[in-house]
């Protein structure tokens, strides 16, 4: 029985929930009649009754799984993990046929089914050891706020089981290194036939890609429905979502929570010193085209940070015909610091490295020689002519001397890291992004850096990206600005200067 509505589950469950439950329990293998799906993934916005749906699944599992089965819920903390425990108890107490101590025993820390001698225990990632447990069925709730360890620990416990089930549920979260991102990626690739994860049943309630960039989300009701299936059936819920959307449009501080939790659009807040909205940046994404660079004159921006920190190289070119600025950016991190940095910064550096956005070099410190050789290889690899290299003097003197005195010397220009020098290229970058005249190849690391970027204004209202006040690493954005400084001085300024006389 539905505890709040007072009638049967068939009437009380949302349509998506019925589909989810039937798919997980009723899809069987013809060969042995065992359950087909081993993973159930539900990406859905807040307040769509997802915990209640999970409770129904667990009660069915407690009644039907083999004898002595064990069930676990895993969440970032015990309070959140106990939400499922409370929902299970609430449903049992409201259902006359199972609200019997001969069937279920409701305890403070667990629920036991006496018919099958099975038990359900809520666990907290923050305080419980997850290894050493065998889970016939587990639920990872709000895994957008956790890394991969809890899910992998539960899956590892199921290796010896022929019939098992893992349920993964979450909204989006405003960080780039969480388990939900990887799980969604696996499911999307499975749906596209790009991997063999066929034993996953996935309901991904998120807006189409067209709503994830720009300002379309501010006016499209379709995007709200796509992330909130329950709102389609309940007018009062949709009315509340419209109010929250209007608040997110008017007040930027409300935007991250609304876009992540109510629309499943990955978004980091900009705050009062934000540089540029990431949804506007993503409108400038272009497909990979190495042929574009062949024969181009390019300007290199270098942000050579401390030896144990991130370093970045950016290559920029201007297309006069279309009035577009193209950039290609790479990051460099110490090889032995990948795991440490991933955990500290909440960024999946292994994934960025596999995507080609980033390189691991050196051990616990950056191998400057690797970076220098990489820059020197650009003309041969992409067919470009390096006109100038712009650098911040800090930590770069030795590298600059090598480039200037090499077999194929590169003219290097020091760029003063002050608002007086950086304001113009920073303003140029923002204007070209907003007018969609900026192009970059798909690069998650660059997008993360744009999300992290915060700006400072001096007394003359000159603006520049401030590393200390930013919300994380911004070295890629800084290297792009250094490259644009040179491009602006050498190309764009020369196009604008002078007067012309027309002869009639």
Protein backbone atom coordinates (compact mmCIF):
# COMPACT_ATOMS: atom_id res chain seq x y z
CA UNK A 1 0.00 0.00 0.00
CA UNK A 2 1.11 3.57 -0.67
CA UNK A 3 1.69 5.08 2.82
CA UNK A 4 0.75 8.65 1.88
CA UNK A 5 -2.08 8.10 -0.60
CA UNK A 6 -3.72 5.16 1.17
CA UNK A 7 -4.26 3.01 -1.90
CA UNK A 8 -2.39 0.29 -3.75
CA UNK A 9 1.05 0.65 -5.29
CA UNK A 10 -0.40 0.10 -8.75
CA UNK A 11 -2.24 3.38 -8.37
CA UNK A 12 0.43 5.20 -6.37
CA UNK A 13 3.62 4.57 -8.36
CA UNK A 14 4.68 6.94 -11.12
CA UNK A 15 4.74 5.55 -14.65
CA UNK A 16 8.54 5.62 -14.86
CA UNK A 17 8.73 3.72 -11.55
CA UNK A 18 6.45 0.95 -12.81
CA UNK A 19 8.61 0.62 -15.92
CA UNK A 20 11.81 0.56 -13.83
CA UNK A 21 10.49 -2.12 -11.44
CA UNK A 22 9.01 -4.34 -14.18
CA UNK A 23 12.19 -4.15 -16.24
CA UNK A 24 14.46 -5.13 -13.35
CA UNK A 25 12.35 -8.01 -11.98
CA UNK A 26 10.50 -9.31 -15.03
CA UNK A 27 13.17 -9.37 -17.73
CA UNK A 28 14.56 -12.91 -17.64
CA UNK A 29 17.18 -14.92 -19.48
CA UNK A 30 15.63 -17.68 -21.56
CA UNK A 31 18.50 -20.06 -20.82
CA UNK A 32 18.02 -20.29 -17.03
CA UNK A 33 15.14 -17.92 -16.15
CA UNK A 34 17.43 -15.74 -14.03
CA UNK A 35 17.12 -11.94 -14.03
CA UNK A 36 18.72 -10.41 -17.10
CA UNK A 37 19.66 -6.98 -15.77
CA UNK A 38 22.40 -6.64 -13.16
CA UNK A 39 22.43 -2.82 -12.98
CA UNK A 40 19.51 -0.42 -12.81
CA UNK A 41 20.53 3.20 -13.40
CA UNK A 42 18.12 6.04 -12.72
CA UNK A 43 19.22 9.61 -13.47
CA UNK A 44 16.31 11.76 -12.39
CA UNK A 45 15.74 15.20 -10.88
CA UNK A 46 14.91 15.78 -7.23
CA UNK A 47 11.44 15.19 -5.79
CA UNK A 48 10.41 12.58 -8.33
CA UNK A 49 9.82 9.93 -5.64
CA UNK A 50 13.01 8.02 -6.46
CA UNK A 51 13.67 6.93 -2.84
CA UNK A 52 10.11 5.63 -2.59
CA UNK A 53 10.61 3.66 -5.82
CA UNK A 54 13.81 2.15 -4.42
CA UNK A 55 11.98 1.13 -1.24
CA UNK A 56 9.39 -0.81 -3.28
CA UNK A 57 12.21 -2.59 -5.14
CA UNK A 58 13.91 -3.56 -1.89
CA UNK A 59 10.68 -4.90 -0.33
CA UNK A 60 10.05 -7.05 -3.42
CA UNK A 61 13.66 -8.23 -3.24
CA UNK A 62 13.43 -9.09 0.46
CA UNK A 63 10.34 -11.22 -0.24
CA UNK A 64 11.59 -12.96 -3.40
CA UNK A 65 15.38 -13.27 -3.26
CA UNK A 66 17.02 -16.56 -2.15
CA UNK A 67 17.24 -17.38 1.54
CA UNK A 68 19.79 -15.48 3.63
CA UNK A 69 20.20 -12.70 1.06
CA UNK A 70 21.70 -9.40 2.16
CA UNK A 71 20.68 -5.94 1.01
CA UNK A 72 22.62 -2.71 1.48
CA UNK A 73 22.05 0.95 0.74
CA UNK A 74 25.11 3.17 0.35
CA UNK A 75 25.07 6.97 0.49
CA UNK A 76 27.54 9.74 1.40
CA UNK A 77 26.36 9.76 5.04
CA UNK A 78 24.22 7.60 7.32
CA UNK A 79 21.34 10.08 7.45
CA UNK A 80 20.94 9.97 3.67
CA UNK A 81 21.39 6.20 3.55
CA UNK A 82 18.71 5.83 6.23
CA UNK A 83 16.15 7.59 4.03
CA UNK A 84 15.65 4.33 2.14
CA UNK A 85 15.48 2.44 5.43
CA UNK A 86 12.74 4.79 6.67
CA UNK A 87 10.81 4.51 3.39
CA UNK A 88 10.90 0.70 3.56
CA UNK A 89 9.56 0.71 7.13
CA UNK A 90 6.87 3.25 6.23
CA UNK A 91 5.53 1.13 3.36
CA UNK A 92 5.58 -2.08 5.42
CA UNK A 93 3.67 -0.46 8.31
CA UNK A 94 1.03 0.83 5.85
CA UNK A 95 0.49 -2.52 4.10
CA UNK A 96 -1.82 -4.86 6.09
CA UNK A 97 -0.70 -8.10 4.45
CA UNK A 98 3.00 -7.63 5.28
CA UNK A 99 2.77 -5.51 8.44
CA UNK A 100 3.20 -8.63 10.54
CA UNK A 101 6.17 -9.54 12.73
CA UNK A 102 5.96 -13.06 11.28
CA UNK A 103 6.88 -11.53 7.92
CA UNK A 104 9.01 -8.46 8.66
CA UNK A 105 10.88 -7.41 11.75
CA UNK A 106 11.57 -3.67 11.76
CA UNK A 107 14.67 -2.77 13.77
CA UNK A 108 16.46 0.50 14.38
CA UNK A 109 19.42 -0.34 12.17
CA UNK A 110 18.02 -2.96 9.81
CA UNK A 111 14.93 -4.63 8.36
CA UNK A 112 14.62 -8.43 8.42
CA UNK A 113 12.32 -10.59 6.31
CA UNK A 114 11.53 -13.74 8.31
CA UNK A 115 10.07 -15.56 5.29
CA UNK A 116 13.46 -15.60 3.55
CA UNK A 117 15.79 -14.83 6.48
CA UNK A 118 17.04 -11.86 4.46
CA UNK A 119 18.14 -8.52 5.90
CA UNK A 120 18.56 -4.94 4.75
CA UNK A 121 21.14 -2.62 6.32
CA UNK A 122 21.83 1.04 5.47
CA UNK A 123 25.54 1.94 5.22
CA UNK A 124 27.36 5.27 5.15
CA UNK A 125 30.39 5.80 2.93
CA UNK A 126 31.73 8.31 5.43
CA UNK A 127 31.89 5.91 8.39
CA UNK A 128 31.30 2.26 7.38
CA UNK A 129 33.74 -0.26 5.91
CA UNK A 130 32.20 -1.42 2.65
CA UNK A 131 34.54 -4.32 1.94
CA UNK A 132 33.88 -7.82 3.26
CA UNK A 133 30.13 -7.72 2.62
CA UNK A 134 28.19 -9.78 0.07
CA UNK A 135 25.30 -7.84 -1.42
CA UNK A 136 22.62 -9.75 -3.33
CA UNK A 137 21.12 -6.32 -3.97
CA UNK A 138 22.47 -2.83 -3.28
CA UNK A 139 21.37 0.75 -3.80
CA UNK A 140 23.84 3.61 -4.30
CA UNK A 141 21.83 6.73 -3.56
CA UNK A 142 23.00 10.25 -4.51
CA UNK A 143 26.15 8.75 -6.00
CA UNK A 144 26.76 12.09 -7.71
CA UNK A 145 28.17 13.08 -4.33
CA UNK A 146 30.48 10.04 -4.10
CA UNK A 147 33.44 8.62 -5.98
CA UNK A 148 33.50 5.14 -7.56
CA UNK A 149 34.68 3.23 -4.49
CA UNK A 150 31.29 2.44 -2.83
CA UNK A 151 29.79 1.14 -6.09
CA UNK A 152 32.86 -0.91 -6.98
CA UNK A 153 33.06 -2.32 -3.43
CA UNK A 154 29.45 -3.51 -3.69
CA UNK A 155 29.93 -4.90 -7.21
CA UNK A 156 33.05 -6.74 -6.12
CA UNK A 157 31.04 -8.41 -3.38
CA UNK A 158 28.65 -9.84 -6.02
CA UNK A 159 31.22 -11.63 -8.18
CA UNK A 160 30.31 -15.13 -6.88
CA UNK A 161 26.54 -14.57 -7.26
CA UNK A 162 24.69 -15.77 -10.36
CA UNK A 163 21.76 -13.42 -9.78
CA UNK A 164 22.53 -9.96 -8.47
CA UNK A 165 21.30 -6.42 -8.79
CA UNK A 166 22.81 -2.98 -8.21
CA UNK A 167 20.60 0.12 -8.30
CA UNK A 168 22.28 3.47 -8.87
CA UNK A 169 20.24 6.64 -8.42
CA UNK A 170 21.18 10.30 -8.41
CA UNK A 171 20.65 13.76 -9.76
CA UNK A 172 23.56 15.67 -11.29
CA UNK A 173 26.03 17.31 -8.90
CA UNK A 174 28.20 20.39 -9.52
CA UNK A 175 31.52 18.51 -9.58
CA UNK A 176 33.44 16.79 -12.34
CA UNK A 177 34.71 13.70 -10.54
CA UNK A 178 31.81 11.63 -9.28
CA UNK A 179 30.53 8.12 -9.84
CA UNK A 180 27.32 9.21 -11.56
CA UNK A 181 29.16 10.82 -14.48
CA UNK A 182 30.94 7.55 -15.27
CA UNK A 183 27.79 5.45 -14.81
CA UNK A 184 25.79 7.70 -17.15
CA UNK A 185 28.61 7.56 -19.70
CA UNK A 186 28.60 3.73 -19.60
CA UNK A 187 24.84 3.66 -20.12
CA UNK A 188 24.88 6.14 -23.00
CA UNK A 189 27.60 4.17 -24.74
CA UNK A 190 25.64 0.96 -24.16
CA UNK A 191 22.53 2.56 -25.67
CA UNK A 192 24.63 3.64 -28.67
CA UNK A 193 26.15 0.16 -29.03
CA UNK A 194 29.67 1.37 -28.22
CA UNK A 195 30.33 -1.06 -25.35
CA UNK A 196 29.12 -4.43 -24.08
CA UNK A 197 27.34 -3.25 -20.92
CA UNK A 198 24.11 -4.81 -22.15
CA UNK A 199 22.98 -5.94 -18.69
CA UNK A 200 22.20 -2.36 -17.67
CA UNK A 201 18.68 -0.97 -17.63
CA UNK A 202 18.95 2.81 -17.71
CA UNK A 203 16.39 5.57 -17.41
CA UNK A 204 18.21 8.84 -18.07
CA UNK A 205 15.92 11.79 -17.45
CA UNK A 206 17.95 14.75 -18.63
CA UNK A 207 17.29 17.45 -21.23
CA UNK A 208 18.41 17.01 -24.82
CA UNK A 209 21.82 18.50 -25.64
CA UNK A 210 20.26 21.56 -27.26
CA UNK A 211 18.96 22.67 -23.83
CA UNK A 212 22.33 22.27 -22.08
CA UNK A 213 23.98 25.20 -23.82
CA UNK A 214 23.04 28.83 -24.01
CA UNK A 215 19.82 30.17 -22.46
CA UNK A 216 17.23 27.83 -23.99
CA UNK A 217 16.64 26.18 -20.61
CA UNK A 218 15.19 29.50 -19.37
CA UNK A 219 12.16 29.29 -21.66
CA UNK A 220 11.71 25.63 -22.64
CA UNK A 221 9.08 23.67 -20.70
CA UNK A 222 10.13 20.56 -22.60
CA UNK A 223 13.49 20.60 -20.80
CA UNK A 224 11.70 20.63 -17.44
CA UNK A 225 9.51 17.68 -18.40
CA UNK A 226 12.49 15.71 -19.71
CA UNK A 227 14.23 15.86 -16.31
CA UNK A 228 11.04 15.60 -14.18
CA UNK A 229 8.71 12.82 -15.37
CA UNK A 230 6.55 13.15 -12.25
CA UNK A 231 5.84 16.80 -13.16
CA UNK A 232 4.07 15.60 -16.30
CA UNK A 233 1.47 13.85 -14.17
CA UNK A 234 1.23 16.43 -11.37
CA UNK A 235 0.42 20.03 -12.34
CA UNK A 236 1.26 21.38 -8.87
CA UNK A 237 4.83 20.04 -9.18
CA UNK A 238 5.27 21.65 -12.57
CA UNK A 239 4.03 24.99 -11.21
CA UNK A 240 6.65 24.83 -8.44
CA UNK A 241 9.38 24.07 -10.98
CA UNK A 242 8.37 27.13 -13.00
CA UNK A 243 8.77 29.28 -9.88
CA UNK A 244 12.21 27.84 -9.21
CA UNK A 245 13.23 28.36 -12.82
CA UNK A 246 12.28 32.02 -12.66
CA UNK A 247 14.30 32.41 -9.47
CA UNK A 248 17.32 30.77 -11.15
CA UNK A 249 17.01 33.18 -14.08
CA UNK A 250 16.90 36.25 -11.83
CA UNK A 251 19.44 35.18 -9.18
CA UNK A 252 22.66 33.57 -10.32
CA UNK A 253 23.36 32.06 -6.89
CA UNK A 254 20.22 29.92 -7.28
CA UNK A 255 21.23 28.68 -10.72
CA UNK A 256 23.67 25.84 -9.85
CA UNK A 257 21.18 24.10 -7.55
CA UNK A 258 18.30 24.47 -10.01
CA UNK A 259 20.20 23.32 -13.09
CA UNK A 260 21.92 20.40 -11.36
CA UNK A 261 19.18 19.14 -9.06
CA UNK A 262 16.01 20.01 -10.98
CA UNK A 263 17.16 19.84 -14.61
CA UNK A 264 20.11 17.41 -14.50
CA UNK A 265 22.35 19.88 -16.32
CA UNK A 266 25.92 19.74 -15.01
CA UNK A 267 26.69 23.29 -13.93
CA UNK A 268 29.04 25.00 -11.52
CA UNK A 269 28.06 28.31 -9.97
CA UNK A 270 29.77 31.42 -11.16
CA UNK A 271 29.34 33.59 -8.10
CA UNK A 272 29.68 37.33 -8.11
CA UNK A 273 33.11 37.28 -9.78
CA UNK A 274 32.33 34.75 -12.47
CA UNK A 275 34.12 35.04 -15.80
CA UNK A 276 31.72 33.56 -18.37
CA UNK A 277 28.76 31.19 -18.18
CA UNK A 278 29.84 27.64 -19.07
CA UNK A 279 26.63 27.11 -21.06
CA UNK A 280 27.79 29.95 -23.35
CA UNK A 281 31.28 28.43 -23.61
CA UNK A 282 29.86 25.07 -24.75
CA UNK A 283 28.10 26.77 -27.65
CA UNK A 284 31.59 27.38 -29.09
CA UNK A 285 32.62 23.72 -29.15
CA UNK A 286 33.80 22.57 -32.58
CA UNK A 287 34.57 19.10 -34.01
CA UNK A 288 38.20 18.01 -34.14
CA UNK A 289 39.85 19.17 -37.37
CA UNK A 290 43.63 18.98 -37.50
CA UNK A 291 43.47 20.02 -41.14
CA UNK A 292 42.35 23.50 -40.10
CA UNK A 293 45.74 24.21 -38.52
CA UNK A 294 47.87 23.26 -41.53
CA UNK A 295 49.65 26.35 -42.85
CA UNK A 296 48.32 28.65 -40.11
CA UNK A 297 50.34 31.23 -38.24
CA UNK A 298 49.76 30.56 -34.55
CA UNK A 299 50.49 32.18 -31.22
CA UNK A 300 51.39 30.03 -28.22
CA UNK A 301 50.33 30.83 -24.67
CA UNK A 302 52.28 29.17 -21.86
CA UNK A 303 51.25 28.99 -18.22
CA UNK A 304 54.24 27.26 -16.63
CA UNK A 305 53.16 26.83 -13.03
CA UNK A 306 55.04 25.49 -10.04
CA UNK A 307 56.81 22.19 -10.66
CA UNK A 308 54.21 20.16 -8.72
CA UNK A 309 51.17 21.96 -10.15
CA UNK A 310 49.30 22.06 -13.47
CA UNK A 311 50.93 23.52 -16.56
CA UNK A 312 49.15 24.44 -19.77
CA UNK A 313 49.98 25.22 -23.41
CA UNK A 314 47.47 26.94 -25.73
CA UNK A 315 47.71 27.42 -29.50
CA UNK A 316 45.60 30.19 -31.05
CA UNK A 317 44.92 31.27 -34.63
CA UNK A 318 42.64 33.78 -36.29
CA UNK A 319 40.41 33.04 -39.29
CA UNK A 320 40.02 36.36 -41.12
CA UNK A 321 37.36 35.09 -43.51
CA UNK A 322 34.88 34.09 -40.79
CA UNK A 323 36.21 36.40 -38.04
CA UNK A 324 36.73 33.44 -35.68
CA UNK A 325 39.38 32.69 -33.08
CA UNK A 326 40.41 29.03 -32.86
CA UNK A 327 42.30 27.55 -29.91
CA UNK A 328 43.69 24.16 -29.04
CA UNK A 329 44.79 23.61 -25.45
CA UNK A 330 46.70 20.92 -23.55
CA UNK A 331 47.38 20.38 -19.86
CA UNK A 332 50.35 18.77 -18.09
CA UNK A 333 50.42 17.28 -14.58
CA UNK A 334 52.99 15.29 -12.53
CA UNK A 335 52.56 11.57 -13.25
CA UNK A 336 52.87 10.44 -9.64
CA UNK A 337 50.27 12.96 -8.42
CA UNK A 338 47.33 11.81 -10.56
CA UNK A 339 45.37 10.03 -7.82
CA UNK A 340 46.15 12.65 -5.19
CA UNK A 341 45.12 15.53 -7.43
CA UNK A 342 41.99 13.70 -8.64
CA UNK A 343 40.81 13.21 -5.07
CA UNK A 344 41.73 16.70 -3.87
CA UNK A 345 40.38 18.64 -6.86
CA UNK A 346 37.39 16.36 -7.61
CA UNK A 347 38.60 16.00 -11.21
CA UNK A 348 39.05 12.66 -12.99
CA UNK A 349 42.54 13.21 -14.41
CA UNK A 350 42.83 9.62 -15.68
CA UNK A 351 39.83 10.25 -17.92
CA UNK A 352 41.24 13.59 -19.11
CA UNK A 353 44.54 11.90 -19.96
CA UNK A 354 42.77 9.14 -21.92
CA UNK A 355 40.81 11.83 -23.81
CA UNK A 356 44.05 13.55 -24.82
CA UNK A 357 43.19 16.74 -22.91
CA UNK A 358 46.07 16.28 -20.52
CA UNK A 359 49.51 14.65 -20.32
CA UNK A 360 51.20 13.06 -17.31
CA UNK A 361 54.93 13.76 -17.26
CA UNK A 362 57.72 13.59 -14.73
CA UNK A 363 57.15 11.97 -11.35
CA UNK A 364 56.09 14.16 -8.44
CA UNK A 365 57.11 17.29 -10.35
CA UNK A 366 56.39 18.44 -13.90
CA UNK A 367 58.98 17.44 -16.48
CA UNK A 368 59.67 20.82 -18.07
CA UNK A 369 61.70 19.09 -20.79
CA UNK A 370 58.56 17.20 -21.88
CA UNK A 371 56.62 20.46 -22.16
CA UNK A 372 59.44 22.12 -24.11
CA UNK A 373 59.66 19.21 -26.58
CA UNK A 374 55.89 19.25 -26.96
CA UNK A 375 55.89 22.92 -27.98
CA UNK A 376 58.77 22.33 -30.41
CA UNK A 377 56.85 19.44 -32.01
CA UNK A 378 53.76 21.51 -32.86
CA UNK A 379 55.00 22.82 -36.27
CA UNK A 380 55.72 19.30 -37.50
CA UNK A 381 52.59 17.70 -36.02
CA UNK A 382 50.05 20.32 -37.10
CA UNK A 383 51.86 22.09 -39.93
CA UNK A 384 51.77 25.46 -38.19
CA UNK A 385 54.19 28.37 -38.02
CA UNK A 386 54.77 29.62 -34.47
CA UNK A 387 54.99 33.41 -34.65
CA UNK A 388 55.47 34.10 -30.95
CA UNK A 389 55.22 32.44 -27.55
CA UNK A 390 53.73 34.41 -24.65
CA UNK A 391 54.73 33.55 -21.10
CA UNK A 392 54.49 34.57 -17.49
CA UNK A 393 58.01 35.20 -16.18
CA UNK A 394 57.34 33.16 -13.03
CA UNK A 395 59.06 29.74 -13.35
CA UNK A 396 59.56 30.18 -17.11
CA UNK A 397 63.01 31.78 -17.57
CA UNK A 398 64.91 28.54 -18.21
CA UNK A 399 62.27 27.22 -20.62
CA UNK A 400 62.14 30.51 -22.53
CA UNK A 401 65.94 30.58 -22.92
CA UNK A 402 65.88 27.10 -24.43
CA UNK A 403 63.18 28.08 -26.94
CA UNK A 404 65.00 31.26 -27.94
CA UNK A 405 68.37 29.54 -28.40
CA UNK A 406 67.21 26.26 -29.96
CA UNK A 407 67.87 25.00 -33.49
CA UNK A 408 64.57 26.53 -34.58
CA UNK A 409 64.30 29.51 -32.22
CA UNK A 410 60.91 30.82 -31.12
CA UNK A 411 60.42 34.48 -30.34
CA UNK A 412 59.22 34.66 -26.72
CA UNK A 413 57.33 37.60 -25.24
CA UNK A 414 56.87 38.18 -21.52
CA UNK A 415 53.28 39.00 -20.61
CA UNK A 416 52.95 40.91 -17.38
CA UNK A 417 50.35 39.16 -15.22
CA UNK A 418 48.57 42.34 -14.24
CA UNK A 419 45.22 43.86 -15.11
CA UNK A 420 46.92 46.56 -17.19
CA UNK A 421 48.11 43.88 -19.63
CA UNK A 422 45.51 41.14 -19.24
CA UNK A 423 42.32 43.20 -19.36
CA UNK A 424 42.18 43.51 -23.15
CA UNK A 425 42.70 39.80 -24.04
CA UNK A 426 40.36 38.78 -21.18
CA UNK A 427 37.68 41.11 -22.53
CA UNK A 428 38.35 39.87 -26.08
CA UNK A 429 37.93 36.23 -25.03
CA UNK A 430 34.65 36.91 -23.25
CA UNK A 431 33.25 38.94 -26.16
CA UNK A 432 34.15 36.30 -28.73
CA UNK A 433 32.59 33.57 -26.57
CA UNK A 434 29.36 35.53 -26.09
CA UNK A 435 29.15 36.32 -29.80
CA UNK A 436 29.98 32.66 -30.65
CA UNK A 437 33.10 33.63 -32.59
CA UNK A 438 35.34 31.48 -30.38
CA UNK A 439 36.09 27.86 -31.30
CA UNK A 440 37.69 25.06 -29.30
CA UNK A 441 37.83 21.33 -29.83
CA UNK A 442 35.97 19.20 -27.28
CA UNK A 443 38.08 19.45 -24.15
CA UNK A 444 36.56 18.67 -20.77
CA UNK A 445 39.58 19.98 -18.91
CA UNK A 446 39.25 23.38 -20.59
CA UNK A 447 35.54 23.48 -19.70
CA UNK A 448 36.38 22.67 -16.06
CA UNK A 449 38.88 25.53 -16.05
CA UNK A 450 36.27 27.93 -17.47
CA UNK A 451 33.83 26.84 -14.75
CA UNK A 452 36.48 27.49 -12.10
CA UNK A 453 37.49 30.92 -13.38
CA UNK A 454 36.76 33.99 -11.27
CA UNK A 455 37.66 37.56 -12.22
CA UNK A 456 38.98 40.54 -10.27
CA UNK A 457 38.63 44.21 -11.19
CA UNK A 458 41.14 46.92 -10.37
CA UNK A 459 40.27 50.53 -9.54
CA UNK A 460 39.95 51.33 -13.27
CA UNK A 461 37.51 48.41 -13.72
CA UNK A 462 40.11 46.43 -15.68
CA UNK A 463 39.25 42.74 -15.39
CA UNK A 464 41.49 39.67 -15.27
CA UNK A 465 41.24 36.01 -14.18
CA UNK A 466 42.48 35.73 -10.62
CA UNK A 467 44.04 32.35 -9.80
CA UNK A 468 43.83 32.80 -6.04
CA UNK A 469 40.13 33.69 -6.07
CA UNK A 470 39.12 31.04 -8.62
CA UNK A 471 37.28 27.89 -7.57
CA UNK A 472 39.96 25.51 -8.83
CA UNK A 473 42.57 25.18 -11.54
CA UNK A 474 42.40 27.80 -14.31
CA UNK A 475 45.78 27.29 -16.00
CA UNK A 476 44.20 26.45 -19.37
CA UNK A 477 42.16 29.66 -19.41
CA UNK A 478 45.28 31.63 -18.44
CA UNK A 479 47.32 30.06 -21.26
CA UNK A 480 44.51 30.90 -23.74
CA UNK A 481 44.50 34.52 -22.55
CA UNK A 482 48.30 34.69 -22.93
CA UNK A 483 47.98 33.41 -26.51
CA UNK A 484 45.19 35.88 -27.28
CA UNK A 485 47.31 38.74 -25.93
CA UNK A 486 49.82 38.11 -28.73
CA UNK A 487 47.15 37.48 -31.37
CA UNK A 488 45.39 40.71 -30.44
CA UNK A 489 48.53 42.84 -30.59
CA UNK A 490 49.94 41.32 -33.78
CA UNK A 491 46.81 40.62 -35.81
CA UNK A 492 43.59 42.22 -34.60
CA UNK A 493 45.09 45.59 -33.66
CA UNK A 494 46.79 45.88 -37.05
CA UNK A 495 43.47 45.23 -38.77
CA UNK A 496 41.76 48.07 -36.90
CA UNK A 497 44.36 50.81 -36.93
CA UNK A 498 44.72 53.69 -39.43
CA UNK A 499 42.34 55.80 -41.48
CA UNK A 500 41.19 55.16 -45.00
CA UNK A 501 40.41 57.68 -47.74
CA UNK A 502 37.91 56.87 -50.43
CA UNK A 503 38.54 58.31 -53.91
CA UNK A 504 35.40 59.03 -55.93
